[in-house]
Amino acid sequence: IKDVIQRIIESHPDDLDIIKSETFRMYQKEGVE
């Protein structure tokens, strides 16, 4: 999960919509859990 989050961030460094997306939040939540 950490790798997925890191790759999303690296692939879309200037796209805040990706970072604010439901999918990204889902990965973050899963990572925290």
ModelCIF file with pLDDT and N, C-alpha, C, O atoms, coordinates in Angstrom:
data_MODEL
#
_entry.id   MODEL 
#
_entity.id                         1 
_entity.type                       polymer 
_entity.pdbx_number_of_molecules   1 
#
_entity_poly.entity_id                      1 
_entity_poly.type                           'polypeptide(L)' 
_entity_poly.nstd_linkage                   no 
_entity_poly.nstd_monomer                   no 
_entity_poly.pdbx_seq_one_letter_code       IKDVIQRIIESHPDDLDIIKSETFRMYQKEGVE 
_entity_poly.pdbx_seq_one_letter_code_can   IKDVIQRIIESHPDDLDIIKSETFRMYQKEGVE 
_entity_poly.pdbx_strand_id                 A 
#
loop_
_entity_poly_seq.entity_id 
_entity_poly_seq.num 
_entity_poly_seq.mon_id 
_entity_poly_seq.hetero 
1 1  ILE n 
1 2  LYS n 
1 3  ASP n 
1 4  VAL n 
1 5  ILE n 
1 6  GLN n 
1 7  ARG n 
1 8  ILE n 
1 9  ILE n 
1 10 GLU n 
1 11 SER n 
1 12 HIS n 
1 13 PRO n 
1 14 ASP n 
1 15 ASP n 
1 16 LEU n 
1 17 ASP n 
1 18 ILE n 
1 19 ILE n 
1 20 LYS n 
1 21 SER n 
1 22 GLU n 
1 23 THR n 
1 24 PHE n 
1 25 ARG n 
1 26 MET n 
1 27 TYR n 
1 28 GLN n 
1 29 LYS n 
1 30 GLU n 
1 31 GLY n 
1 32 VAL n 
1 33 GLU n 
#
_struct_asym.id          A 
_struct_asym.entity_id   1 
#
loop_
_ma_qa_metric.id 
_ma_qa_metric.mode 
_ma_qa_metric.name 
_ma_qa_metric.software_group_id 
_ma_qa_metric.type 
1 global pLDDT . pLDDT 
2 local  pLDDT . pLDDT 
#
_ma_qa_metric_global.metric_id      1 
_ma_qa_metric_global.metric_value   92.61 
_ma_qa_metric_global.model_id       1 
_ma_qa_metric_global.ordinal_id     1 
#
loop_
_ma_qa_metric_local.label_asym_id 
_ma_qa_metric_local.label_comp_id 
_ma_qa_metric_local.label_seq_id 
_ma_qa_metric_local.metric_id 
_ma_qa_metric_local.metric_value 
_ma_qa_metric_local.model_id 
_ma_qa_metric_local.ordinal_id 
A ILE 1  2 96.00 1 1  
A LYS 2  2 95.00 1 2  
A ASP 3  2 96.00 1 3  
A VAL 4  2 94.00 1 4  
A ILE 5  2 93.00 1 5  
A GLN 6  2 94.00 1 6  
A ARG 7  2 94.00 1 7  
A ILE 8  2 92.00 1 8  
A ILE 9  2 91.00 1 9  
A GLU 10 2 93.00 1 10 
A SER 11 2 92.00 1 11 
A HIS 12 2 90.00 1 12 
A PRO 13 2 86.00 1 13 
A ASP 14 2 88.00 1 14 
A ASP 15 2 89.00 1 15 
A LEU 16 2 89.00 1 16 
A ASP 17 2 91.00 1 17 
A ILE 18 2 89.00 1 18 
A ILE 19 2 87.00 1 19 
A LYS 20 2 90.00 1 20 
A SER 21 2 92.00 1 21 
A GLU 22 2 94.00 1 22 
A THR 23 2 91.00 1 23 
A PHE 24 2 93.00 1 24 
A ARG 25 2 94.00 1 25 
A MET 26 2 94.00 1 26 
A TYR 27 2 94.00 1 27 
A GLN 28 2 94.00 1 28 
A LYS 29 2 96.00 1 29 
A GLU 30 2 96.00 1 30 
A GLY 31 2 96.00 1 31 
A VAL 32 2 96.00 1 32 
A GLU 33 2 97.00 1 33 
#
loop_
_atom_site.group_PDB 
_atom_site.id 
_atom_site.type_symbol 
_atom_site.label_atom_id 
_atom_site.label_alt_id 
_atom_site.label_comp_id 
_atom_site.label_asym_id 
_atom_site.label_entity_id 
_atom_site.label_seq_id 
_atom_site.pdbx_PDB_ins_code 
_atom_site.Cartn_x 
_atom_site.Cartn_y 
_atom_site.Cartn_z 
_atom_site.occupancy 
_atom_site.B_iso_or_equiv 
_atom_site.pdbx_formal_charge 
_atom_site.auth_seq_id 
_atom_site.auth_comp_id 
_atom_site.auth_asym_id 
_atom_site.auth_atom_id 
_atom_site.pdbx_PDB_model_num 
ATOM 1   N N  . ILE A 1 1  ? 0.838   -1.205 0.000   1.00 96.00 ? 1  ILE A N  1 
ATOM 2   C CA . ILE A 1 1  ? 0.000   0.000  0.000   1.00 96.00 ? 1  ILE A CA 1 
ATOM 3   C C  . ILE A 1 1  ? 0.872   1.254  0.000   1.00 96.00 ? 1  ILE A C  1 
ATOM 4   O O  . ILE A 1 1  ? 0.572   2.215  -0.708  1.00 96.00 ? 1  ILE A O  1 
ATOM 5   N N  . LYS A 1 2  ? 1.951   1.252  0.790   1.00 95.00 ? 2  LYS A N  1 
ATOM 6   C CA . LYS A 1 2  ? 2.873   2.402  0.796   1.00 95.00 ? 2  LYS A CA 1 
ATOM 7   C C  . LYS A 1 2  ? 3.439   2.633  -0.599  1.00 95.00 ? 2  LYS A C  1 
ATOM 8   O O  . LYS A 1 2  ? 3.532   3.772  -1.057  1.00 95.00 ? 2  LYS A O  1 
ATOM 9   N N  . ASP A 1 3  ? 3.817   1.552  -1.270  1.00 96.00 ? 3  ASP A N  1 
ATOM 10  C CA . ASP A 1 3  ? 4.359   1.668  -2.636  1.00 96.00 ? 3  ASP A CA 1 
ATOM 11  C C  . ASP A 1 3  ? 3.319   2.235  -3.603  1.00 96.00 ? 3  ASP A C  1 
ATOM 12  O O  . ASP A 1 3  ? 3.643   3.080  -4.438  1.00 96.00 ? 3  ASP A O  1 
ATOM 13  N N  . VAL A 1 4  ? 2.077   1.775  -3.492  1.00 94.00 ? 4  VAL A N  1 
ATOM 14  C CA . VAL A 1 4  ? 1.018   2.272  -4.373  1.00 94.00 ? 4  VAL A CA 1 
ATOM 15  C C  . VAL A 1 4  ? 0.820   3.768  -4.161  1.00 94.00 ? 4  VAL A C  1 
ATOM 16  O O  . VAL A 1 4  ? 0.746   4.535  -5.121  1.00 94.00 ? 4  VAL A O  1 
ATOM 17  N N  . ILE A 1 5  ? 0.735   4.178  -2.898  1.00 93.00 ? 5  ILE A N  1 
ATOM 18  C CA . ILE A 1 5  ? 0.556   5.601  -2.595  1.00 93.00 ? 5  ILE A CA 1 
ATOM 19  C C  . ILE A 1 5  ? 1.722   6.424  -3.135  1.00 93.00 ? 5  ILE A C  1 
ATOM 20  O O  . ILE A 1 5  ? 1.525   7.479  -3.738  1.00 93.00 ? 5  ILE A O  1 
ATOM 21  N N  . GLN A 1 6  ? 2.943   5.926  -2.911  1.00 94.00 ? 6  GLN A N  1 
ATOM 22  C CA . GLN A 1 6  ? 4.129   6.648  -3.388  1.00 94.00 ? 6  GLN A CA 1 
ATOM 23  C C  . GLN A 1 6  ? 4.128   6.771  -4.907  1.00 94.00 ? 6  GLN A C  1 
ATOM 24  O O  . GLN A 1 6  ? 4.479   7.823  -5.441  1.00 94.00 ? 6  GLN A O  1 
ATOM 25  N N  . ARG A 1 7  ? 3.744   5.725  -5.596  1.00 94.00 ? 7  ARG A N  1 
ATOM 26  C CA . ARG A 1 7  ? 3.722   5.766  -7.064  1.00 94.00 ? 7  ARG A CA 1 
ATOM 27  C C  . ARG A 1 7  ? 2.646   6.700  -7.598  1.00 94.00 ? 7  ARG A C  1 
ATOM 28  O O  . ARG A 1 7  ? 2.838   7.369  -8.613  1.00 94.00 ? 7  ARG A O  1 
ATOM 29  N N  . ILE A 1 8  ? 1.511   6.739  -6.905  1.00 92.00 ? 8  ILE A N  1 
ATOM 30  C CA . ILE A 1 8  ? 0.469   7.677  -7.317  1.00 92.00 ? 8  ILE A CA 1 
ATOM 31  C C  . ILE A 1 8  ? 0.994   9.106  -7.184  1.00 92.00 ? 8  ILE A C  1 
ATOM 32  O O  . ILE A 1 8  ? 0.826   9.920  -8.092  1.00 92.00 ? 8  ILE A O  1 
ATOM 33  N N  . ILE A 1 9  ? 1.618   9.401  -6.069  1.00 91.00 ? 9  ILE A N  1 
ATOM 34  C CA . ILE A 1 9  ? 2.154   10.745 -5.839  1.00 91.00 ? 9  ILE A CA 1 
ATOM 35  C C  . ILE A 1 9  ? 3.236   11.082 -6.870  1.00 91.00 ? 9  ILE A C  1 
ATOM 36  O O  . ILE A 1 9  ? 3.240   12.177 -7.433  1.00 91.00 ? 9  ILE A O  1 
ATOM 37  N N  . GLU A 1 10 ? 4.148   10.144 -7.114  1.00 93.00 ? 10 GLU A N  1 
ATOM 38  C CA . GLU A 1 10 ? 5.223   10.390 -8.080  1.00 93.00 ? 10 GLU A CA 1 
ATOM 39  C C  . GLU A 1 10 ? 4.699   10.537 -9.508  1.00 93.00 ? 10 GLU A C  1 
ATOM 40  O O  . GLU A 1 10 ? 5.242   11.317 -10.290 1.00 93.00 ? 10 GLU A O  1 
ATOM 41  N N  . SER A 1 11 ? 3.654   9.796  -9.847  1.00 92.00 ? 11 SER A N  1 
ATOM 42  C CA . SER A 1 11 ? 3.105   9.835  -11.204 1.00 92.00 ? 11 SER A CA 1 
ATOM 43  C C  . SER A 1 11 ? 2.276   11.082 -11.475 1.00 92.00 ? 11 SER A C  1 
ATOM 44  O O  . SER A 1 11 ? 2.105   11.483 -12.626 1.00 92.00 ? 11 SER A O  1 
ATOM 45  N N  . HIS A 1 12 ? 1.763   11.693 -10.415 1.00 90.00 ? 12 HIS A N  1 
ATOM 46  C CA . HIS A 1 12 ? 0.882   12.860 -10.564 1.00 90.00 ? 12 HIS A CA 1 
ATOM 47  C C  . HIS A 1 12 ? 1.283   13.958 -9.585  1.00 90.00 ? 12 HIS A C  1 
ATOM 48  O O  . HIS A 1 12 ? 0.470   14.365 -8.755  1.00 90.00 ? 12 HIS A O  1 
ATOM 49  N N  . PRO A 1 13 ? 2.517   14.442 -9.666  1.00 86.00 ? 13 PRO A N  1 
ATOM 50  C CA . PRO A 1 13 ? 2.990   15.407 -8.663  1.00 86.00 ? 13 PRO A CA 1 
ATOM 51  C C  . PRO A 1 13 ? 2.238   16.744 -8.680  1.00 86.00 ? 13 PRO A C  1 
ATOM 52  O O  . PRO A 1 13 ? 2.186   17.440 -7.665  1.00 86.00 ? 13 PRO A O  1 
ATOM 53  N N  . ASP A 1 14 ? 1.663   17.098 -9.817  1.00 88.00 ? 14 ASP A N  1 
ATOM 54  C CA . ASP A 1 14 ? 0.990   18.392 -9.920  1.00 88.00 ? 14 ASP A CA 1 
ATOM 55  C C  . ASP A 1 14 ? -0.533  18.270 -10.036 1.00 88.00 ? 14 ASP A C  1 
ATOM 56  O O  . ASP A 1 14 ? -1.225  19.248 -10.319 1.00 88.00 ? 14 ASP A O  1 
ATOM 57  N N  . ASP A 1 15 ? -1.037  17.063 -9.815  1.00 89.00 ? 15 ASP A N  1 
ATOM 58  C CA . ASP A 1 15 ? -2.478  16.826 -9.990  1.00 89.00 ? 15 ASP A CA 1 
ATOM 59  C C  . ASP A 1 15 ? -3.142  16.623 -8.626  1.00 89.00 ? 15 ASP A C  1 
ATOM 60  O O  . ASP A 1 15 ? -3.216  15.506 -8.113  1.00 89.00 ? 15 ASP A O  1 
ATOM 61  N N  . LEU A 1 16 ? -3.623  17.732 -8.052  1.00 89.00 ? 16 LEU A N  1 
ATOM 62  C CA . LEU A 1 16 ? -4.255  17.658 -6.735  1.00 89.00 ? 16 LEU A CA 1 
ATOM 63  C C  . LEU A 1 16 ? -5.561  16.879 -6.752  1.00 89.00 ? 16 LEU A C  1 
ATOM 64  O O  . LEU A 1 16 ? -5.987  16.357 -5.721  1.00 89.00 ? 16 LEU A O  1 
ATOM 65  N N  . ASP A 1 17 ? -6.201  16.795 -7.922  1.00 91.00 ? 17 ASP A N  1 
ATOM 66  C CA . ASP A 1 17 ? -7.450  16.031 -8.005  1.00 91.00 ? 17 ASP A CA 1 
ATOM 67  C C  . ASP A 1 17 ? -7.214  14.554 -7.707  1.00 91.00 ? 17 ASP A C  1 
ATOM 68  O O  . ASP A 1 17 ? -8.055  13.898 -7.092  1.00 91.00 ? 17 ASP A O  1 
ATOM 69  N N  . ILE A 1 18 ? -6.074  14.036 -8.141  1.00 89.00 ? 18 ILE A N  1 
ATOM 70  C CA . ILE A 1 18 ? -5.735  12.633 -7.851  1.00 89.00 ? 18 ILE A CA 1 
ATOM 71  C C  . ILE A 1 18 ? -5.547  12.450 -6.350  1.00 89.00 ? 18 ILE A C  1 
ATOM 72  O O  . ILE A 1 18 ? -6.063  11.499 -5.763  1.00 89.00 ? 18 ILE A O  1 
ATOM 73  N N  . ILE A 1 19 ? -4.808  13.364 -5.736  1.00 87.00 ? 19 ILE A N  1 
ATOM 74  C CA . ILE A 1 19 ? -4.525  13.277 -4.302  1.00 87.00 ? 19 ILE A CA 1 
ATOM 75  C C  . ILE A 1 19 ? -5.807  13.417 -3.482  1.00 87.00 ? 19 ILE A C  1 
ATOM 76  O O  . ILE A 1 19 ? -5.922  12.829 -2.407  1.00 87.00 ? 19 ILE A O  1 
ATOM 77  N N  . LYS A 1 20 ? -6.759  14.183 -3.979  1.00 90.00 ? 20 LYS A N  1 
ATOM 78  C CA . LYS A 1 20 ? -8.021  14.394 -3.268  1.00 90.00 ? 20 LYS A CA 1 
ATOM 79  C C  . LYS A 1 20 ? -9.077  13.352 -3.638  1.00 90.00 ? 20 LYS A C  1 
ATOM 80  O O  . LYS A 1 20 ? -10.189 13.384 -3.110  1.00 90.00 ? 20 LYS A O  1 
ATOM 81  N N  . SER A 1 21 ? -8.737  12.431 -4.539  1.00 92.00 ? 21 SER A N  1 
ATOM 82  C CA . SER A 1 21 ? -9.724  11.470 -5.035  1.00 92.00 ? 21 SER A CA 1 
ATOM 83  C C  . SER A 1 21 ? -10.108 10.441 -3.966  1.00 92.00 ? 21 SER A C  1 
ATOM 84  O O  . SER A 1 21 ? -9.376  10.188 -3.009  1.00 92.00 ? 21 SER A O  1 
ATOM 85  N N  . GLU A 1 22 ? -11.272 9.872  -4.176  1.00 94.00 ? 22 GLU A N  1 
ATOM 86  C CA . GLU A 1 22 ? -11.782 8.832  -3.270  1.00 94.00 ? 22 GLU A CA 1 
ATOM 87  C C  . GLU A 1 22 ? -10.859 7.606  -3.273  1.00 94.00 ? 22 GLU A C  1 
ATOM 88  O O  . GLU A 1 22 ? -10.627 6.996  -2.230  1.00 94.00 ? 22 GLU A O  1 
ATOM 89  N N  . THR A 1 23 ? -10.347 7.259  -4.432  1.00 91.00 ? 23 THR A N  1 
ATOM 90  C CA . THR A 1 23 ? -9.442  6.106  -4.536  1.00 91.00 ? 23 THR A CA 1 
ATOM 91  C C  . THR A 1 23 ? -8.182  6.330  -3.716  1.00 91.00 ? 23 THR A C  1 
ATOM 92  O O  . THR A 1 23 ? -7.748  5.438  -2.987  1.00 91.00 ? 23 THR A O  1 
ATOM 93  N N  . PHE A 1 24 ? -7.595  7.510  -3.827  1.00 93.00 ? 24 PHE A N  1 
ATOM 94  C CA . PHE A 1 24 ? -6.385  7.813  -3.069  1.00 93.00 ? 24 PHE A CA 1 
ATOM 95  C C  . PHE A 1 24 ? -6.679  7.773  -1.569  1.00 93.00 ? 24 PHE A C  1 
ATOM 96  O O  . PHE A 1 24 ? -5.893  7.226  -0.795  1.00 93.00 ? 24 PHE A O  1 
ATOM 97  N N  . ARG A 1 25 ? -7.799  8.346  -1.163  1.00 94.00 ? 25 ARG A N  1 
ATOM 98  C CA . ARG A 1 25 ? -8.185  8.314  0.261   1.00 94.00 ? 25 ARG A CA 1 
ATOM 99  C C  . ARG A 1 25 ? -8.391  6.888  0.745   1.00 94.00 ? 25 ARG A C  1 
ATOM 100 O O  . ARG A 1 25 ? -8.064  6.557  1.885   1.00 94.00 ? 25 ARG A O  1 
ATOM 101 N N  . MET A 1 26 ? -8.934  6.045  -0.128  1.00 94.00 ? 26 MET A N  1 
ATOM 102 C CA . MET A 1 26 ? -9.141  4.647  0.225   1.00 94.00 ? 26 MET A CA 1 
ATOM 103 C C  . MET A 1 26 ? -7.795  3.965  0.504   1.00 94.00 ? 26 MET A C  1 
ATOM 104 O O  . MET A 1 26 ? -7.648  3.233  1.483   1.00 94.00 ? 26 MET A O  1 
ATOM 105 N N  . TYR A 1 27 ? -6.817  4.220  -0.375  1.00 94.00 ? 27 TYR A N  1 
ATOM 106 C CA . TYR A 1 27 ? -5.484  3.643  -0.158  1.00 94.00 ? 27 TYR A CA 1 
ATOM 107 C C  . TYR A 1 27 ? -4.855  4.178  1.131   1.00 94.00 ? 27 TYR A C  1 
ATOM 108 O O  . TYR A 1 27 ? -4.230  3.424  1.876   1.00 94.00 ? 27 TYR A O  1 
ATOM 109 N N  . GLN A 1 28 ? -5.018  5.467  1.391   1.00 94.00 ? 28 GLN A N  1 
ATOM 110 C CA . GLN A 1 28 ? -4.481  6.045  2.622   1.00 94.00 ? 28 GLN A CA 1 
ATOM 111 C C  . GLN A 1 28 ? -5.110  5.406  3.852   1.00 94.00 ? 28 GLN A C  1 
ATOM 112 O O  . GLN A 1 28 ? -4.414  5.058  4.807   1.00 94.00 ? 28 GLN A O  1 
ATOM 113 N N  . LYS A 1 29 ? -6.427  5.253  3.823   1.00 96.00 ? 29 LYS A N  1 
ATOM 114 C CA . LYS A 1 29 ? -7.149  4.654  4.949   1.00 96.00 ? 29 LYS A CA 1 
ATOM 115 C C  . LYS A 1 29 ? -6.677  3.211  5.167   1.00 96.00 ? 29 LYS A C  1 
ATOM 116 O O  . LYS A 1 29 ? -6.417  2.789  6.294   1.00 96.00 ? 29 LYS A O  1 
ATOM 117 N N  . GLU A 1 30 ? -6.576  2.480  4.077   1.00 96.00 ? 30 GLU A N  1 
ATOM 118 C CA . GLU A 1 30 ? -6.106  1.091  4.149   1.00 96.00 ? 30 GLU A CA 1 
ATOM 119 C C  . GLU A 1 30 ? -4.692  1.038  4.730   1.00 96.00 ? 30 GLU A C  1 
ATOM 120 O O  . GLU A 1 30 ? -4.383  0.181  5.558   1.00 96.00 ? 30 GLU A O  1 
ATOM 121 N N  . GLY A 1 31 ? -3.842  1.962  4.287   1.00 96.00 ? 31 GLY A N  1 
ATOM 122 C CA . GLY A 1 31 ? -2.471  2.012  4.792   1.00 96.00 ? 31 GLY A CA 1 
ATOM 123 C C  . GLY A 1 31 ? -2.408  2.289  6.284   1.00 96.00 ? 31 GLY A C  1 
ATOM 124 O O  . GLY A 1 31 ? -1.631  1.662  7.003   1.00 96.00 ? 31 GLY A O  1 
ATOM 125 N N  . VAL A 1 32 ? -3.220  3.219  6.747   1.00 96.00 ? 32 VAL A N  1 
ATOM 126 C CA . VAL A 1 32 ? -3.254  3.549  8.177   1.00 96.00 ? 32 VAL A CA 1 
ATOM 127 C C  . VAL A 1 32 ? -3.739  2.342  8.990   1.00 96.00 ? 32 VAL A C  1 
ATOM 128 O O  . VAL A 1 32 ? -3.177  2.027  10.040  1.00 96.00 ? 32 VAL A O  1 
ATOM 129 N N  . GLU A 1 33 ? -4.774  1.680  8.502   1.00 97.00 ? 33 GLU A N  1 
ATOM 130 C CA . GLU A 1 33 ? -5.314  0.511  9.213   1.00 97.00 ? 33 GLU A CA 1 
ATOM 131 C C  . GLU A 1 33 ? -4.301  -0.634 9.261   1.00 97.00 ? 33 GLU A C  1 
ATOM 132 O O  . GLU A 1 33 ? -4.591  -1.691 9.820   1.00 97.00 ? 33 GLU A O  1 
#
